[in-house]
Amino acid sequence: GEHGQYYTSSNVIGKFMFSGCTNLKNITLPKNIILIERDAFENCKSLIGIKIPDSVTSIGVRAFWDCEALESIWLGNGVTSIEAQVFAGCDALKIVHISDLTSWFKIMVSQIDF
């Protein structure tokens, strides 16, 4: 479908979990997720937006690689680490929503490519 609500007993969005889900446009992550692993959403060509809950502390390498339709991300206040090339190939990305600017300055960034 176009919009997914994802529920898991785990608190991790695993490696390649949604990789190549080309019809996925939006997704709501559960509030218990603490980690988005590498390549979790890579090549989701129709993904337009995602809200990352405050519980997420780390976003792995190329997590959103080549999500060419991704326009906006709501970044939770708990993120402390963003790995390399997280947004590489996200040519439509226009807005990163940050509700607490002081949280943004605490993030360890490793070669983010926009």
PDB file of N, CA and C in Angstrom:
ATOM      1  N   GLY A   1       0.804  -1.190   0.000  1.00  0.00           N
ATOM      2  CA  GLY A   1       0.000   0.000   0.000  1.00  0.00           C
ATOM      3  C   GLY A   1       0.846   1.253   0.000  1.00  0.00           C
ATOM      4  N   GLU A   2       0.185   2.383  -0.041  1.00  0.00           N
ATOM      5  CA  GLU A   2       0.869   3.659  -0.084  1.00  0.00           C
ATOM      6  C   GLU A   2       1.329   4.129   1.284  1.00  0.00           C
ATOM      7  N   HIS A   3       0.599   3.743   2.328  1.00  0.00           N
ATOM      8  CA  HIS A   3       0.960   4.168   3.674  1.00  0.00           C
ATOM      9  C   HIS A   3       1.043   2.927   4.546  1.00  0.00           C
ATOM     10  N   GLY A   4       2.127   2.814   5.287  1.00  0.00           N
ATOM     11  CA  GLY A   4       2.276   1.659   6.147  1.00  0.00           C
ATOM     12  C   GLY A   4       2.370   2.064   7.595  1.00  0.00           C
ATOM     13  N   GLN A   5       1.718   1.318   8.451  1.00  0.00           N
ATOM     14  CA  GLN A   5       1.955   1.437   9.878  1.00  0.00           C
ATOM     15  C   GLN A   5       2.634   0.148  10.268  1.00  0.00           C
ATOM     16  N   TYR A   6       3.784   0.273  10.863  1.00  0.00           N
ATOM     17  CA  TYR A   6       4.620  -0.874  11.125  1.00  0.00           C
ATOM     18  C   TYR A   6       4.680  -1.126  12.626  1.00  0.00           C
ATOM     19  N   TYR A   7       4.432  -2.331  13.018  1.00  0.00           N
ATOM     20  CA  TYR A   7       4.494  -2.705  14.428  1.00  0.00           C
ATOM     21  C   TYR A   7       5.485  -3.850  14.591  1.00  0.00           C
ATOM     22  N   THR A   8       6.277  -3.792  15.633  1.00  0.00           N
ATOM     23  CA  THR A   8       7.268  -4.830  15.879  1.00  0.00           C
ATOM     24  C   THR A   8       7.466  -4.997  17.385  1.00  0.00           C
ATOM     25  N   SER A   9       7.756  -6.208  17.788  1.00  0.00           N
ATOM     26  CA  SER A   9       8.080  -6.432  19.200  1.00  0.00           C
ATOM     27  C   SER A   9       9.541  -6.080  19.449  1.00  0.00           C
ATOM     28  N   SER A  10      10.310  -5.997  18.374  1.00  0.00           N
ATOM     29  CA  SER A  10      11.710  -5.586  18.462  1.00  0.00           C
ATOM     30  C   SER A  10      11.756  -4.065  18.491  1.00  0.00           C
ATOM     31  N   ASN A  11      12.881  -3.518  18.891  1.00  0.00           N
ATOM     32  CA  ASN A  11      13.003  -2.063  18.889  1.00  0.00           C
ATOM     33  C   ASN A  11      13.985  -1.589  17.816  1.00  0.00           C
ATOM     34  N   VAL A  12      14.123  -2.405  16.758  1.00  0.00           N
ATOM     35  CA  VAL A  12      15.069  -2.117  15.687  1.00  0.00           C
ATOM     36  C   VAL A  12      14.396  -2.271  14.327  1.00  0.00           C
ATOM     37  N   ILE A  13      14.649  -1.310  13.438  1.00  0.00           N
ATOM     38  CA  ILE A  13      14.311  -1.491  12.029  1.00  0.00           C
ATOM     39  C   ILE A  13      15.578  -2.059  11.413  1.00  0.00           C
ATOM     40  N   GLY A  14      15.549  -3.334  11.055  1.00  0.00           N
ATOM     41  CA  GLY A  14      16.737  -4.072  10.657  1.00  0.00           C
ATOM     42  C   GLY A  14      17.285  -3.731   9.286  1.00  0.00           C
ATOM     43  N   LYS A  15      18.475  -4.239   9.033  1.00  0.00           N
ATOM     44  CA  LYS A  15      19.153  -4.055   7.761  1.00  0.00           C
ATOM     45  C   LYS A  15      18.248  -4.495   6.615  1.00  0.00           C
ATOM     46  N   PHE A  16      18.106  -3.649   5.623  1.00  0.00           N
ATOM     47  CA  PHE A  16      17.356  -3.939   4.396  1.00  0.00           C
ATOM     48  C   PHE A  16      15.885  -4.283   4.638  1.00  0.00           C
ATOM     49  N   MET A  17      15.329  -3.973   5.803  1.00  0.00           N
ATOM     50  CA  MET A  17      13.971  -4.388   6.154  1.00  0.00           C
ATOM     51  C   MET A  17      12.927  -3.920   5.141  1.00  0.00           C
ATOM     52  N   PHE A  18      13.037  -2.677   4.687  1.00  0.00           N
ATOM     53  CA  PHE A  18      12.084  -2.148   3.717  1.00  0.00           C
ATOM     54  C   PHE A  18      12.758  -1.870   2.377  1.00  0.00           C
ATOM     55  N   SER A  19      13.934  -2.383   2.179  1.00  0.00           N
ATOM     56  CA  SER A  19      14.698  -2.142   0.963  1.00  0.00           C
ATOM     57  C   SER A  19      13.901  -2.517  -0.277  1.00  0.00           C
ATOM     58  N   GLY A  20      13.835  -1.591  -1.216  1.00  0.00           N
ATOM     59  CA  GLY A  20      13.171  -1.873  -2.482  1.00  0.00           C
ATOM     60  C   GLY A  20      11.655  -1.887  -2.439  1.00  0.00           C
ATOM     61  N   CYS A  21      11.051  -1.413  -1.363  1.00  0.00           N
ATOM     62  CA  CYS A  21       9.579  -1.330  -1.294  1.00  0.00           C
ATOM     63  C   CYS A  21       9.155  -0.114  -2.113  1.00  0.00           C
ATOM     64  N   THR A  22       9.061  -0.286  -3.405  1.00  0.00           N
ATOM     65  CA  THR A  22       8.903   0.838  -4.325  1.00  0.00           C
ATOM     66  C   THR A  22       7.533   1.501  -4.269  1.00  0.00           C
ATOM     67  N   ASN A  23       6.519   0.866  -3.700  1.00  0.00           N
ATOM     68  CA  ASN A  23       5.193   1.479  -3.601  1.00  0.00           C
ATOM     69  C   ASN A  23       4.949   2.175  -2.268  1.00  0.00           C
ATOM     70  N   LEU A  24       5.866   2.068  -1.337  1.00  0.00           N
ATOM     71  CA  LEU A  24       5.718   2.676  -0.022  1.00  0.00           C
ATOM     72  C   LEU A  24       5.913   4.183  -0.121  1.00  0.00           C
ATOM     73  N   LYS A  25       4.870   4.950   0.235  1.00  0.00           N
ATOM     74  CA  LYS A  25       4.954   6.414   0.140  1.00  0.00           C
ATOM     75  C   LYS A  25       5.200   7.076   1.487  1.00  0.00           C
ATOM     76  N   ASN A  26       4.567   6.582   2.536  1.00  0.00           N
ATOM     77  CA  ASN A  26       4.722   7.124   3.889  1.00  0.00           C
ATOM     78  C   ASN A  26       4.742   5.966   4.863  1.00  0.00           C
ATOM     79  N   ILE A  27       5.402   6.172   5.990  1.00  0.00           N
ATOM     80  CA  ILE A  27       5.411   5.134   7.025  1.00  0.00           C
ATOM     81  C   ILE A  27       5.442   5.807   8.390  1.00  0.00           C
ATOM     82  N   THR A  28       4.704   5.223   9.317  1.00  0.00           N
ATOM     83  CA  THR A  28       4.713   5.664  10.706  1.00  0.00           C
ATOM     84  C   THR A  28       5.425   4.596  11.521  1.00  0.00           C
ATOM     85  N   LEU A  29       6.531   4.967  12.115  1.00  0.00           N
ATOM     86  CA  LEU A  29       7.291   4.012  12.921  1.00  0.00           C
ATOM     87  C   LEU A  29       6.758   3.997  14.344  1.00  0.00           C
ATOM     88  N   PRO A  30       6.770   2.843  14.985  1.00  0.00           N
ATOM     89  CA  PRO A  30       6.329   2.784  16.379  1.00  0.00           C
ATOM     90  C   PRO A  30       7.271   3.563  17.289  1.00  0.00           C
ATOM     91  N   LYS A  31       6.735   3.997  18.404  1.00  0.00           N
ATOM     92  CA  LYS A  31       7.495   4.842  19.321  1.00  0.00           C
ATOM     93  C   LYS A  31       8.547   4.086  20.129  1.00  0.00           C
ATOM     94  N   ASN A  32       8.629   2.751  19.975  1.00  0.00           N
ATOM     95  CA  ASN A  32       9.628   1.986  20.723  1.00  0.00           C
ATOM     96  C   ASN A  32      10.919   1.741  19.934  1.00  0.00           C
ATOM     97  N   ILE A  33      10.986   2.186  18.690  1.00  0.00           N
ATOM     98  CA  ILE A  33      12.175   1.951  17.864  1.00  0.00           C
ATOM     99  C   ILE A  33      13.333   2.797  18.383  1.00  0.00           C
ATOM    100  N   ILE A  34      14.515   2.173  18.565  1.00  0.00           N
ATOM    101  CA  ILE A  34      15.682   2.924  19.008  1.00  0.00           C
ATOM    102  C   ILE A  34      16.773   2.987  17.939  1.00  0.00           C
ATOM    103  N   LEU A  35      16.695   2.115  16.926  1.00  0.00           N
ATOM    104  CA  LEU A  35      17.753   2.034  15.925  1.00  0.00           C
ATOM    105  C   LEU A  35      17.163   1.773  14.548  1.00  0.00           C
ATOM    106  N   ILE A  36      17.617   2.538  13.569  1.00  0.00           N
ATOM    107  CA  ILE A  36      17.326   2.267  12.160  1.00  0.00           C
ATOM    108  C   ILE A  36      18.647   1.821  11.563  1.00  0.00           C
ATOM    109  N   GLU A  37      18.748   0.535  11.215  1.00  0.00           N
ATOM    110  CA  GLU A  37      20.011  -0.015  10.752  1.00  0.00           C
ATOM    111  C   GLU A  37      20.297   0.347   9.295  1.00  0.00           C
ATOM    112  N   ARG A  38      21.488   0.011   8.867  1.00  0.00           N
ATOM    113  CA  ARG A  38      21.968   0.329   7.522  1.00  0.00           C
ATOM    114  C   ARG A  38      21.024  -0.169   6.435  1.00  0.00           C
ATOM    115  N   ASP A  39      20.838   0.652   5.427  1.00  0.00           N
ATOM    116  CA  ASP A  39      20.060   0.311   4.233  1.00  0.00           C
ATOM    117  C   ASP A  39      18.610  -0.072   4.520  1.00  0.00           C
ATOM    118  N   ALA A  40      18.080   0.304   5.679  1.00  0.00           N
ATOM    119  CA  ALA A  40      16.729  -0.118   6.082  1.00  0.00           C
ATOM    120  C   ALA A  40      15.656   0.298   5.086  1.00  0.00           C
ATOM    121  N   PHE A  41      15.787   1.475   4.507  1.00  0.00           N
ATOM    122  CA  PHE A  41      14.782   1.986   3.560  1.00  0.00           C
ATOM    123  C   PHE A  41      15.396   2.269   2.189  1.00  0.00           C
ATOM    124  N   GLU A  42      16.580   1.742   1.926  1.00  0.00           N
ATOM    125  CA  GLU A  42      17.247   2.079   0.673  1.00  0.00           C
ATOM    126  C   GLU A  42      16.407   1.654  -0.522  1.00  0.00           C
ATOM    127  N   ASN A  43      16.447   2.501  -1.525  1.00  0.00           N
ATOM    128  CA  ASN A  43      15.769   2.236  -2.794  1.00  0.00           C
ATOM    129  C   ASN A  43      14.247   2.182  -2.672  1.00  0.00           C
ATOM    130  N   CYS A  44      13.680   2.866  -1.687  1.00  0.00           N
ATOM    131  CA  CYS A  44      12.221   3.023  -1.595  1.00  0.00           C
ATOM    132  C   CYS A  44      11.867   4.241  -2.441  1.00  0.00           C
ATOM    133  N   LYS A  45      11.774   4.039  -3.718  1.00  0.00           N
ATOM    134  CA  LYS A  45      11.694   5.114  -4.717  1.00  0.00           C
ATOM    135  C   LYS A  45      10.474   6.018  -4.575  1.00  0.00           C
ATOM    136  N   SER A  46       9.395   5.560  -3.926  1.00  0.00           N
ATOM    137  CA  SER A  46       8.178   6.364  -3.798  1.00  0.00           C
ATOM    138  C   SER A  46       8.023   6.996  -2.418  1.00  0.00           C
ATOM    139  N   LEU A  47       8.924   6.690  -1.500  1.00  0.00           N
ATOM    140  CA  LEU A  47       8.821   7.222  -0.136  1.00  0.00           C
ATOM    141  C   LEU A  47       8.921   8.744  -0.168  1.00  0.00           C
ATOM    142  N   ILE A  48       7.873   9.404   0.329  1.00  0.00           N
ATOM    143  CA  ILE A  48       7.798  10.868   0.304  1.00  0.00           C
ATOM    144  C   ILE A  48       8.191  11.466   1.650  1.00  0.00           C
ATOM    145  N   GLY A  49       7.767  10.826   2.734  1.00  0.00           N
ATOM    146  CA  GLY A  49       8.043  11.382   4.055  1.00  0.00           C
ATOM    147  C   GLY A  49       8.115  10.302   5.112  1.00  0.00           C
ATOM    148  N   ILE A  50       8.845  10.611   6.177  1.00  0.00           N
ATOM    149  CA  ILE A  50       8.943   9.683   7.302  1.00  0.00           C
ATOM    150  C   ILE A  50       9.122  10.492   8.579  1.00  0.00           C
ATOM    151  N   LYS A  51       8.463  10.036   9.641  1.00  0.00           N
ATOM    152  CA  LYS A  51       8.630  10.637  10.959  1.00  0.00           C
ATOM    153  C   LYS A  51       9.429   9.668  11.815  1.00  0.00           C
ATOM    154  N   ILE A  52      10.577  10.126  12.255  1.00  0.00           N
ATOM    155  CA  ILE A  52      11.449   9.310  13.090  1.00  0.00           C
ATOM    156  C   ILE A  52      11.163   9.685  14.536  1.00  0.00           C
ATOM    157  N   PRO A  53      10.679   8.723  15.337  1.00  0.00           N
ATOM    158  CA  PRO A  53      10.279   9.053  16.708  1.00  0.00           C
ATOM    159  C   PRO A  53      11.452   9.450  17.609  1.00  0.00           C
ATOM    160  N   ASP A  54      11.138  10.124  18.697  1.00  0.00           N
ATOM    161  CA  ASP A  54      12.151  10.568  19.654  1.00  0.00           C
ATOM    162  C   ASP A  54      12.960   9.409  20.237  1.00  0.00           C
ATOM    163  N   SER A  55      12.411   8.208  20.220  1.00  0.00           N
ATOM    164  CA  SER A  55      13.093   7.045  20.789  1.00  0.00           C
ATOM    165  C   SER A  55      14.304   6.608  19.970  1.00  0.00           C
ATOM    166  N   VAL A  56      14.369   6.951  18.687  1.00  0.00           N
ATOM    167  CA  VAL A  56      15.480   6.547  17.817  1.00  0.00           C
ATOM    168  C   VAL A  56      16.737   7.321  18.198  1.00  0.00           C
ATOM    169  N   THR A  57      17.828   6.594  18.432  1.00  0.00           N
ATOM    170  CA  THR A  57      19.086   7.222  18.788  1.00  0.00           C
ATOM    171  C   THR A  57      20.109   7.177  17.654  1.00  0.00           C
ATOM    172  N   SER A  58      19.959   6.227  16.717  1.00  0.00           N
ATOM    173  CA  SER A  58      20.970   6.068  15.676  1.00  0.00           C
ATOM    174  C   SER A  58      20.327   5.696  14.342  1.00  0.00           C
ATOM    175  N   ILE A  59      20.870   6.293  13.263  1.00  0.00           N
ATOM    176  CA  ILE A  59      20.435   5.990  11.905  1.00  0.00           C
ATOM    177  C   ILE A  59      21.656   5.501  11.140  1.00  0.00           C
ATOM    178  N   GLY A  60      21.575   4.271  10.628  1.00  0.00           N
ATOM    179  CA  GLY A  60      22.720   3.602  10.021  1.00  0.00           C
ATOM    180  C   GLY A  60      23.066   4.041   8.611  1.00  0.00           C
ATOM    181  N   VAL A  61      24.211   3.576   8.158  1.00  0.00           N
ATOM    182  CA  VAL A  61      24.756   3.882   6.835  1.00  0.00           C
ATOM    183  C   VAL A  61      23.713   3.631   5.747  1.00  0.00           C
ATOM    184  N   ARG A  62      23.553   4.602   4.881  1.00  0.00           N
ATOM    185  CA  ARG A  62      22.672   4.513   3.702  1.00  0.00           C
ATOM    186  C   ARG A  62      21.236   4.119   4.049  1.00  0.00           C
ATOM    187  N   ALA A  63      20.772   4.452   5.227  1.00  0.00           N
ATOM    188  CA  ALA A  63      19.420   4.047   5.650  1.00  0.00           C
ATOM    189  C   ALA A  63      18.350   4.493   4.669  1.00  0.00           C
ATOM    190  N   PHE A  64      18.524   5.659   4.052  1.00  0.00           N
ATOM    191  CA  PHE A  64      17.541   6.187   3.100  1.00  0.00           C
ATOM    192  C   PHE A  64      18.166   6.382   1.719  1.00  0.00           C
ATOM    193  N   TRP A  65      19.208   5.643   1.432  1.00  0.00           N
ATOM    194  CA  TRP A  65      19.934   5.762   0.175  1.00  0.00           C
ATOM    195  C   TRP A  65      19.006   5.586  -1.022  1.00  0.00           C
ATOM    196  N   ASP A  66      19.092   6.500  -1.942  1.00  0.00           N
ATOM    197  CA  ASP A  66      18.362   6.449  -3.214  1.00  0.00           C
ATOM    198  C   ASP A  66      16.840   6.472  -3.052  1.00  0.00           C
ATOM    199  N   CYS A  67      16.367   7.119  -1.998  1.00  0.00           N
ATOM    200  CA  CYS A  67      14.923   7.374  -1.852  1.00  0.00           C
ATOM    201  C   CYS A  67      14.648   8.670  -2.597  1.00  0.00           C
ATOM    202  N   GLU A  68      14.609   8.577  -3.895  1.00  0.00           N
ATOM    203  CA  GLU A  68      14.632   9.759  -4.760  1.00  0.00           C
ATOM    204  C   GLU A  68      13.408  10.660  -4.653  1.00  0.00           C
ATOM    205  N   ALA A  69      12.292  10.180  -4.105  1.00  0.00           N
ATOM    206  CA  ALA A  69      11.085  11.008  -3.941  1.00  0.00           C
ATOM    207  C   ALA A  69      10.974  11.610  -2.537  1.00  0.00           C
ATOM    208  N   LEU A  70      11.891  11.231  -1.641  1.00  0.00           N
ATOM    209  CA  LEU A  70      11.815  11.687  -0.244  1.00  0.00           C
ATOM    210  C   LEU A  70      11.953  13.207  -0.176  1.00  0.00           C
ATOM    211  N   GLU A  71      10.886  13.857   0.306  1.00  0.00           N
ATOM    212  CA  GLU A  71      10.846  15.315   0.383  1.00  0.00           C
ATOM    213  C   GLU A  71      11.077  15.847   1.787  1.00  0.00           C
ATOM    214  N   SER A  72      10.598  15.118   2.796  1.00  0.00           N
ATOM    215  CA  SER A  72      10.702  15.636   4.159  1.00  0.00           C
ATOM    216  C   SER A  72      10.881  14.518   5.179  1.00  0.00           C
ATOM    217  N   ILE A  73      11.629  14.867   6.214  1.00  0.00           N
ATOM    218  CA  ILE A  73      11.902  13.952   7.322  1.00  0.00           C
ATOM    219  C   ILE A  73      11.622  14.709   8.613  1.00  0.00           C
ATOM    220  N   TRP A  74      10.897  14.071   9.518  1.00  0.00           N
ATOM    221  CA  TRP A  74      10.693  14.597  10.862  1.00  0.00           C
ATOM    222  C   TRP A  74      11.680  13.853  11.741  1.00  0.00           C
ATOM    223  N   LEU A  75      12.689  14.552  12.214  1.00  0.00           N
ATOM    224  CA  LEU A  75      13.771  13.932  12.966  1.00  0.00           C
ATOM    225  C   LEU A  75      13.510  14.079  14.456  1.00  0.00           C
ATOM    226  N   GLY A  76      13.399  12.950  15.144  1.00  0.00           N
ATOM    227  CA  GLY A  76      13.141  12.952  16.582  1.00  0.00           C
ATOM    228  C   GLY A  76      14.300  13.528  17.378  1.00  0.00           C
ATOM    229  N   ASN A  77      14.008  13.961  18.579  1.00  0.00           N
ATOM    230  CA  ASN A  77      15.000  14.602  19.435  1.00  0.00           C
ATOM    231  C   ASN A  77      16.014  13.644  20.039  1.00  0.00           C
ATOM    232  N   GLY A  78      15.778  12.338  19.929  1.00  0.00           N
ATOM    233  CA  GLY A  78      16.686  11.370  20.541  1.00  0.00           C
ATOM    234  C   GLY A  78      17.874  10.981  19.687  1.00  0.00           C
ATOM    235  N   VAL A  79      17.893  11.368  18.418  1.00  0.00           N
ATOM    236  CA  VAL A  79      18.965  10.966  17.510  1.00  0.00           C
ATOM    237  C   VAL A  79      20.291  11.575  17.959  1.00  0.00           C
ATOM    238  N   THR A  80      21.284  10.703  18.169  1.00  0.00           N
ATOM    239  CA  THR A  80      22.618  11.155  18.560  1.00  0.00           C
ATOM    240  C   THR A  80      23.677  10.751  17.543  1.00  0.00           C
ATOM    241  N   SER A  81      23.299   9.912  16.561  1.00  0.00           N
ATOM    242  CA  SER A  81      24.267   9.445  15.572  1.00  0.00           C
ATOM    243  C   SER A  81      23.593   9.270  14.212  1.00  0.00           C
ATOM    244  N   ILE A  82      24.204   9.875  13.185  1.00  0.00           N
ATOM    245  CA  ILE A  82      23.765   9.688  11.805  1.00  0.00           C
ATOM    246  C   ILE A  82      24.992   9.239  11.026  1.00  0.00           C
ATOM    247  N   GLU A  83      24.928   8.043  10.450  1.00  0.00           N
ATOM    248  CA  GLU A  83      26.074   7.468   9.757  1.00  0.00           C
ATOM    249  C   GLU A  83      26.222   8.007   8.328  1.00  0.00           C
ATOM    250  N   ALA A  84      27.268   7.577   7.651  1.00  0.00           N
ATOM    251  CA  ALA A  84      27.611   8.058   6.308  1.00  0.00           C
ATOM    252  C   ALA A  84      26.532   7.743   5.285  1.00  0.00           C
ATOM    253  N   GLN A  85      26.364   8.650   4.356  1.00  0.00           N
ATOM    254  CA  GLN A  85      25.520   8.504   3.172  1.00  0.00           C
ATOM    255  C   GLN A  85      24.061   8.188   3.478  1.00  0.00           C
ATOM    256  N   VAL A  86      23.583   8.608   4.631  1.00  0.00           N
ATOM    257  CA  VAL A  86      22.201   8.333   5.027  1.00  0.00           C
ATOM    258  C   VAL A  86      21.209   8.867   3.997  1.00  0.00           C
ATOM    259  N   PHE A  87      21.476  10.056   3.460  1.00  0.00           N
ATOM    260  CA  PHE A  87      20.547  10.685   2.526  1.00  0.00           C
ATOM    261  C   PHE A  87      21.102  10.779   1.102  1.00  0.00           C
ATOM    262  N   ALA A  88      22.117  10.001   0.787  1.00  0.00           N
ATOM    263  CA  ALA A  88      22.688  10.021  -0.564  1.00  0.00           C
ATOM    264  C   ALA A  88      21.630   9.582  -1.576  1.00  0.00           C
ATOM    265  N   GLY A  89      21.516  10.334  -2.663  1.00  0.00           N
ATOM    266  CA  GLY A  89      20.541  10.011  -3.701  1.00  0.00           C
ATOM    267  C   GLY A  89      19.130  10.494  -3.403  1.00  0.00           C
ATOM    268  N   CYS A  90      18.957  11.231  -2.310  1.00  0.00           N
ATOM    269  CA  CYS A  90      17.639  11.788  -1.949  1.00  0.00           C
ATOM    270  C   CYS A  90      17.535  13.183  -2.564  1.00  0.00           C
ATOM    271  N   ASP A  91      17.452  13.218  -3.874  1.00  0.00           N
ATOM    272  CA  ASP A  91      17.519  14.484  -4.607  1.00  0.00           C
ATOM    273  C   ASP A  91      16.334  15.407  -4.358  1.00  0.00           C
ATOM    274  N   ALA A  92      15.207  14.877  -3.931  1.00  0.00           N
ATOM    275  CA  ALA A  92      14.014  15.697  -3.693  1.00  0.00           C
ATOM    276  C   ALA A  92      13.934  16.230  -2.257  1.00  0.00           C
ATOM    277  N   LEU A  93      14.876  15.828  -1.394  1.00  0.00           N
ATOM    278  CA  LEU A  93      14.817  16.218   0.010  1.00  0.00           C
ATOM    279  C   LEU A  93      14.918  17.732   0.163  1.00  0.00           C
ATOM    280  N   LYS A  94      13.866  18.303   0.748  1.00  0.00           N
ATOM    281  CA  LYS A  94      13.791  19.751   0.918  1.00  0.00           C
ATOM    282  C   LYS A  94      13.765  20.161   2.375  1.00  0.00           C
ATOM    283  N   ILE A  95      13.140  19.341   3.233  1.00  0.00           N
ATOM    284  CA  ILE A  95      12.897  19.751   4.608  1.00  0.00           C
ATOM    285  C   ILE A  95      13.288  18.638   5.580  1.00  0.00           C
ATOM    286  N   VAL A  96      14.071  19.012   6.578  1.00  0.00           N
ATOM    287  CA  VAL A  96      14.319  18.141   7.726  1.00  0.00           C
ATOM    288  C   VAL A  96      13.723  18.872   8.918  1.00  0.00           C
ATOM    289  N   HIS A  97      12.617  18.338   9.444  1.00  0.00           N
ATOM    290  CA  HIS A  97      11.931  18.958  10.581  1.00  0.00           C
ATOM    291  C   HIS A  97      12.662  18.575  11.861  1.00  0.00           C
ATOM    292  N   ILE A  98      13.039  19.583  12.622  1.00  0.00           N
ATOM    293  CA  ILE A  98      13.701  19.376  13.909  1.00  0.00           C
ATOM    294  C   ILE A  98      12.947  20.207  14.931  1.00  0.00           C
ATOM    295  N   SER A  99      12.359  19.550  15.935  1.00  0.00           N
ATOM    296  CA  SER A  99      11.558  20.303  16.900  1.00  0.00           C
ATOM    297  C   SER A  99      12.416  20.967  17.972  1.00  0.00           C
ATOM    298  N   ASP A 100      13.620  20.451  18.206  1.00  0.00           N
ATOM    299  CA  ASP A 100      14.488  20.997  19.244  1.00  0.00           C
ATOM    300  C   ASP A 100      15.875  21.200  18.658  1.00  0.00           C
ATOM    301  N   LEU A 101      16.206  22.426  18.307  1.00  0.00           N
ATOM    302  CA  LEU A 101      17.465  22.721  17.647  1.00  0.00           C
ATOM    303  C   LEU A 101      18.668  22.316  18.486  1.00  0.00           C
ATOM    304  N   THR A 102      18.582  22.378  19.800  1.00  0.00           N
ATOM    305  CA  THR A 102      19.718  21.980  20.637  1.00  0.00           C
ATOM    306  C   THR A 102      20.020  20.502  20.474  1.00  0.00           C
ATOM    307  N   SER A 103      19.002  19.682  20.184  1.00  0.00           N
ATOM    308  CA  SER A 103      19.220  18.253  19.928  1.00  0.00           C
ATOM    309  C   SER A 103      20.042  18.061  18.662  1.00  0.00           C
ATOM    310  N   TRP A 104      19.779  18.878  17.662  1.00  0.00           N
ATOM    311  CA  TRP A 104      20.495  18.772  16.382  1.00  0.00           C
ATOM    312  C   TRP A 104      21.999  18.953  16.583  1.00  0.00           C
ATOM    313  N   PHE A 105      22.405  19.865  17.444  1.00  0.00           N
ATOM    314  CA  PHE A 105      23.818  20.131  17.652  1.00  0.00           C
ATOM    315  C   PHE A 105      24.526  19.027  18.438  1.00  0.00           C
ATOM    316  N   LYS A 106      23.787  18.104  19.024  1.00  0.00           N
ATOM    317  CA  LYS A 106      24.371  16.992  19.771  1.00  0.00           C
ATOM    318  C   LYS A 106      24.618  15.762  18.900  1.00  0.00           C
ATOM    319  N   ILE A 107      24.174  15.791  17.656  1.00  0.00           N
ATOM    320  CA  ILE A 107      24.269  14.625  16.774  1.00  0.00           C
ATOM    321  C   ILE A 107      25.688  14.468  16.239  1.00  0.00           C
ATOM    322  N   MET A 108      26.205  13.244  16.335  1.00  0.00           N
ATOM    323  CA  MET A 108      27.485  12.911  15.722  1.00  0.00           C
ATOM    324  C   MET A 108      27.193  12.524  14.281  1.00  0.00           C
ATOM    325  N   VAL A 109      27.773  13.263  13.350  1.00  0.00           N
ATOM    326  CA  VAL A 109      27.493  13.055  11.935  1.00  0.00           C
ATOM    327  C   VAL A 109      28.748  12.510  11.264  1.00  0.00           C
ATOM    328  N   SER A 110      28.532  11.476  10.454  1.00  0.00           N
ATOM    329  CA  SER A 110      29.644  10.869   9.743  1.00  0.00           C
ATOM    330  C   SER A 110      29.415  11.002   8.244  1.00  0.00           C
ATOM    331  N   GLN A 111      29.978  12.012   7.640  1.00  0.00           N
ATOM    332  CA  GLN A 111      29.927  12.223   6.191  1.00  0.00           C
ATOM    333  C   GLN A 111      28.533  12.129   5.602  1.00  0.00           C
ATOM    334  N   ILE A 112      27.635  12.979   6.051  1.00  0.00           N
ATOM    335  CA  ILE A 112      26.285  12.995   5.462  1.00  0.00           C
ATOM    336  C   ILE A 112      26.381  13.528   4.049  1.00  0.00           C
ATOM    337  N   ASP A 113      25.826  12.806   3.107  1.00  0.00           N
ATOM    338  CA  ASP A 113      25.754  13.257   1.720  1.00  0.00           C
ATOM    339  C   ASP A 113      24.322  13.604   1.399  1.00  0.00           C
ATOM    340  N   PHE A 114      24.098  14.825   0.961  1.00  0.00           N
ATOM    341  CA  PHE A 114      22.770  15.245   0.543  1.00  0.00           C
ATOM    342  C   PHE A 114      22.714  15.288  -0.958  1.00  0.00           C
TER     343      PHE A 114
END
